[in-house]
Amino acid sequence: MRQAPEFFEDAELELIFIAKKLKEALRIEEALTDAGIEYVVEPDTYRGGIIFVSERIGAFFYVAPGTSPRAKDVLRTHRYKPYEV
């Protein structure tokens, strides 16, 4: 379920996915909510493109570190590749 960043207090949240399109972000939100995972989603910029590299805005999904493995499994189940450092 989507939460405000304050919900997690001072916990160091882990980035699990960067959605590049609104439709993709909505599907990720639905999958995480259906799985009962608490997450934060915030807009931020990322660098994209191969030939014409530019800054773009995406939806960044964060979860508490203890929830990360389960959240990444949910993403894989829905055929999304979780963010890896």
N, C-alpha and C. Protein backbone atom coordinates (compact mmCIF):
# COMPACT_ATOMS: atom_id res chain seq x y z
N MET A 1 0.83 -1.16 0.00
CA MET A 1 0.00 0.00 0.00
C MET A 1 0.88 1.23 0.00
N ARG A 2 0.49 2.19 -0.80
CA ARG A 2 1.27 3.41 -0.93
C ARG A 2 1.25 4.19 0.38
N GLN A 3 2.41 4.66 0.79
CA GLN A 3 2.55 5.41 2.03
C GLN A 3 3.31 6.70 1.77
N ALA A 4 3.18 7.64 2.67
CA ALA A 4 3.98 8.86 2.63
C ALA A 4 5.36 8.53 3.19
N PRO A 5 6.40 9.25 2.78
CA PRO A 5 7.75 8.96 3.30
C PRO A 5 7.84 9.02 4.83
N GLU A 6 7.03 9.87 5.45
CA GLU A 6 7.04 10.00 6.91
C GLU A 6 6.61 8.71 7.61
N PHE A 7 5.84 7.88 6.93
CA PHE A 7 5.38 6.62 7.50
C PHE A 7 6.55 5.74 7.93
N PHE A 8 7.64 5.81 7.18
CA PHE A 8 8.80 4.97 7.45
C PHE A 8 9.79 5.62 8.43
N GLU A 9 9.44 6.81 8.92
CA GLU A 9 10.25 7.57 9.88
C GLU A 9 11.67 7.74 9.36
N ASP A 10 12.66 7.28 10.14
CA ASP A 10 14.07 7.48 9.77
C ASP A 10 14.68 6.28 9.06
N ALA A 11 13.87 5.33 8.66
CA ALA A 11 14.39 4.12 8.00
C ALA A 11 15.01 4.49 6.66
N GLU A 12 16.11 3.85 6.33
CA GLU A 12 16.77 4.03 5.04
C GLU A 12 16.03 3.18 4.01
N LEU A 13 15.28 3.83 3.14
CA LEU A 13 14.47 3.10 2.16
C LEU A 13 15.34 2.61 1.00
N GLU A 14 14.92 1.50 0.40
CA GLU A 14 15.67 0.89 -0.69
C GLU A 14 14.91 1.06 -2.01
N LEU A 15 15.61 1.54 -3.02
CA LEU A 15 15.03 1.70 -4.35
C LEU A 15 14.87 0.32 -4.99
N ILE A 16 13.64 0.01 -5.44
CA ILE A 16 13.42 -1.30 -6.05
C ILE A 16 13.07 -1.22 -7.53
N PHE A 17 12.59 -0.03 -7.98
CA PHE A 17 12.19 0.06 -9.39
C PHE A 17 12.08 1.52 -9.81
N ILE A 18 12.42 1.78 -11.07
CA ILE A 18 12.21 3.09 -11.68
C ILE A 18 11.28 2.90 -12.87
N ALA A 19 10.05 3.39 -12.74
CA ALA A 19 9.08 3.30 -13.83
C ALA A 19 9.29 4.49 -14.77
N LYS A 20 9.44 4.20 -16.03
CA LYS A 20 9.71 5.24 -17.01
C LYS A 20 8.44 5.79 -17.66
N LYS A 21 7.33 5.07 -17.52
CA LYS A 21 6.06 5.50 -18.11
C LYS A 21 4.97 5.41 -17.06
N LEU A 22 3.97 6.27 -17.19
CA LEU A 22 2.86 6.30 -16.23
C LEU A 22 2.13 4.96 -16.17
N LYS A 23 1.87 4.38 -17.31
CA LYS A 23 1.15 3.10 -17.36
C LYS A 23 1.90 2.02 -16.58
N GLU A 24 3.22 2.01 -16.74
CA GLU A 24 4.07 1.06 -16.03
C GLU A 24 4.01 1.32 -14.52
N ALA A 25 4.07 2.58 -14.12
CA ALA A 25 4.02 2.95 -12.70
C ALA A 25 2.70 2.51 -12.07
N LEU A 26 1.62 2.68 -12.79
CA LEU A 26 0.30 2.28 -12.27
C LEU A 26 0.22 0.77 -12.08
N ARG A 27 0.80 0.01 -12.99
CA ARG A 27 0.81 -1.45 -12.87
C ARG A 27 1.64 -1.90 -11.66
N ILE A 28 2.79 -1.24 -11.46
CA ILE A 28 3.65 -1.57 -10.32
C ILE A 28 2.91 -1.27 -9.02
N GLU A 29 2.26 -0.11 -8.95
CA GLU A 29 1.49 0.25 -7.76
C GLU A 29 0.42 -0.80 -7.46
N GLU A 30 -0.28 -1.23 -8.48
CA GLU A 30 -1.33 -2.23 -8.30
C GLU A 30 -0.75 -3.56 -7.80
N ALA A 31 0.37 -3.98 -8.38
CA ALA A 31 0.99 -5.24 -7.99
C ALA A 31 1.46 -5.20 -6.54
N LEU A 32 2.12 -4.11 -6.14
CA LEU A 32 2.61 -3.99 -4.77
C LEU A 32 1.46 -3.88 -3.77
N THR A 33 0.42 -3.14 -4.12
CA THR A 33 -0.74 -3.00 -3.25
C THR A 33 -1.45 -4.34 -3.08
N ASP A 34 -1.65 -5.07 -4.17
CA ASP A 34 -2.31 -6.38 -4.11
C ASP A 34 -1.52 -7.36 -3.24
N ALA A 35 -0.18 -7.21 -3.22
CA ALA A 35 0.67 -8.08 -2.42
C ALA A 35 0.76 -7.62 -0.96
N GLY A 36 0.17 -6.47 -0.65
CA GLY A 36 0.19 -5.96 0.72
C GLY A 36 1.53 -5.36 1.13
N ILE A 37 2.30 -4.90 0.17
CA ILE A 37 3.61 -4.33 0.45
C ILE A 37 3.48 -2.81 0.58
N GLU A 38 4.05 -2.27 1.66
CA GLU A 38 4.04 -0.83 1.87
C GLU A 38 5.22 -0.22 1.13
N TYR A 39 4.97 0.83 0.37
CA TYR A 39 5.99 1.42 -0.47
C TYR A 39 5.79 2.93 -0.56
N VAL A 40 6.82 3.61 -1.03
CA VAL A 40 6.77 5.04 -1.33
C VAL A 40 7.10 5.18 -2.80
N VAL A 41 6.37 6.05 -3.48
CA VAL A 41 6.68 6.35 -4.88
C VAL A 41 6.85 7.85 -5.00
N GLU A 42 7.97 8.26 -5.61
CA GLU A 42 8.27 9.68 -5.76
C GLU A 42 8.80 9.95 -7.17
N PRO A 43 8.45 11.09 -7.74
CA PRO A 43 9.03 11.45 -9.04
C PRO A 43 10.47 11.91 -8.84
N ASP A 44 11.32 11.57 -9.78
CA ASP A 44 12.72 12.00 -9.74
C ASP A 44 13.28 11.90 -11.16
N THR A 45 14.47 12.39 -11.37
CA THR A 45 15.07 12.35 -12.70
C THR A 45 16.07 11.22 -12.82
N TYR A 46 16.19 10.71 -14.02
CA TYR A 46 17.17 9.68 -14.35
C TYR A 46 17.72 10.00 -15.74
N ARG A 47 18.86 9.45 -16.06
CA ARG A 47 19.46 9.65 -17.39
C ARG A 47 19.07 8.48 -18.27
N GLY A 48 18.51 8.79 -19.45
CA GLY A 48 18.07 7.74 -20.35
C GLY A 48 18.47 8.03 -21.78
N GLY A 49 18.43 7.00 -22.59
CA GLY A 49 18.77 7.13 -24.00
C GLY A 49 20.16 6.58 -24.27
N ILE A 50 20.39 6.17 -25.49
CA ILE A 50 21.69 5.62 -25.87
C ILE A 50 22.43 6.63 -26.75
N ILE A 51 21.81 7.03 -27.83
CA ILE A 51 22.43 8.00 -28.73
C ILE A 51 22.18 9.42 -28.23
N PHE A 52 20.93 9.72 -27.93
CA PHE A 52 20.55 11.04 -27.43
C PHE A 52 20.26 10.93 -25.93
N VAL A 53 21.29 11.00 -25.14
CA VAL A 53 21.15 10.89 -23.68
C VAL A 53 20.53 12.17 -23.15
N SER A 54 19.53 12.01 -22.28
CA SER A 54 18.88 13.17 -21.69
C SER A 54 18.36 12.81 -20.30
N GLU A 55 18.05 13.85 -19.53
CA GLU A 55 17.43 13.62 -18.23
C GLU A 55 15.93 13.50 -18.42
N ARG A 56 15.36 12.51 -17.78
CA ARG A 56 13.92 12.25 -17.88
C ARG A 56 13.35 12.11 -16.48
N ILE A 57 12.05 12.18 -16.37
CA ILE A 57 11.39 12.03 -15.07
C ILE A 57 10.72 10.67 -15.01
N GLY A 58 10.91 9.97 -13.91
CA GLY A 58 10.30 8.67 -13.71
C GLY A 58 9.72 8.55 -12.31
N ALA A 59 9.02 7.46 -12.07
CA ALA A 59 8.45 7.17 -10.76
C ALA A 59 9.39 6.19 -10.06
N PHE A 60 9.98 6.64 -8.96
CA PHE A 60 10.93 5.83 -8.20
C PHE A 60 10.19 5.16 -7.05
N PHE A 61 10.28 3.83 -6.99
CA PHE A 61 9.59 3.04 -5.96
C PHE A 61 10.58 2.61 -4.89
N TYR A 62 10.24 2.90 -3.64
CA TYR A 62 11.09 2.57 -2.49
C TYR A 62 10.31 1.72 -1.50
N VAL A 63 11.02 0.80 -0.82
CA VAL A 63 10.44 0.00 0.26
C VAL A 63 11.43 -0.06 1.42
N ALA A 64 10.94 -0.49 2.57
CA ALA A 64 11.81 -0.71 3.72
C ALA A 64 12.75 -1.87 3.40
N PRO A 65 14.00 -1.84 3.89
CA PRO A 65 14.97 -2.89 3.56
C PRO A 65 14.48 -4.32 3.85
N GLY A 66 13.75 -4.54 4.92
CA GLY A 66 13.26 -5.87 5.24
C GLY A 66 12.22 -6.39 4.27
N THR A 67 11.57 -5.48 3.57
CA THR A 67 10.52 -5.84 2.61
C THR A 67 11.07 -6.03 1.20
N SER A 68 12.28 -5.58 0.98
CA SER A 68 12.87 -5.57 -0.36
C SER A 68 12.86 -6.91 -1.09
N PRO A 69 13.31 -8.01 -0.48
CA PRO A 69 13.30 -9.29 -1.22
C PRO A 69 11.90 -9.70 -1.69
N ARG A 70 10.91 -9.52 -0.83
CA ARG A 70 9.54 -9.88 -1.19
C ARG A 70 9.01 -8.97 -2.30
N ALA A 71 9.30 -7.68 -2.20
CA ALA A 71 8.85 -6.72 -3.21
C ALA A 71 9.47 -7.03 -4.57
N LYS A 72 10.75 -7.37 -4.57
CA LYS A 72 11.43 -7.72 -5.82
C LYS A 72 10.87 -8.99 -6.42
N ASP A 73 10.47 -9.95 -5.58
CA ASP A 73 9.82 -11.17 -6.08
C ASP A 73 8.49 -10.84 -6.76
N VAL A 74 7.74 -9.91 -6.17
CA VAL A 74 6.47 -9.49 -6.77
C VAL A 74 6.73 -8.87 -8.14
N LEU A 75 7.76 -8.03 -8.23
CA LEU A 75 8.09 -7.42 -9.52
C LEU A 75 8.45 -8.47 -10.56
N ARG A 76 9.28 -9.43 -10.16
CA ARG A 76 9.67 -10.50 -11.10
C ARG A 76 8.47 -11.32 -11.54
N THR A 77 7.55 -11.58 -10.62
CA THR A 77 6.33 -12.34 -10.93
C THR A 77 5.53 -11.62 -12.03
N HIS A 78 5.55 -10.29 -12.00
CA HIS A 78 4.83 -9.49 -12.98
C HIS A 78 5.72 -9.10 -14.17
N ARG A 79 6.85 -9.79 -14.31
CA ARG A 79 7.77 -9.63 -15.43
C ARG A 79 8.44 -8.26 -15.52
N TYR A 80 8.75 -7.70 -14.35
CA TYR A 80 9.53 -6.48 -14.28
C TYR A 80 10.88 -6.80 -13.67
N LYS A 81 11.90 -6.10 -14.12
CA LYS A 81 13.24 -6.33 -13.60
C LYS A 81 13.51 -5.32 -12.49
N PRO A 82 13.69 -5.80 -11.24
CA PRO A 82 13.95 -4.89 -10.12
C PRO A 82 15.25 -4.13 -10.32
N TYR A 83 15.32 -2.96 -9.72
CA TYR A 83 16.52 -2.13 -9.77
C TYR A 83 17.63 -2.81 -8.96
N GLU A 84 18.80 -2.90 -9.53
CA GLU A 84 19.98 -3.44 -8.85
C GLU A 84 21.08 -2.40 -8.92
N VAL A 85 21.81 -2.23 -7.84
CA VAL A 85 22.90 -1.24 -7.77
C VAL A 85 24.03 -1.65 -8.68
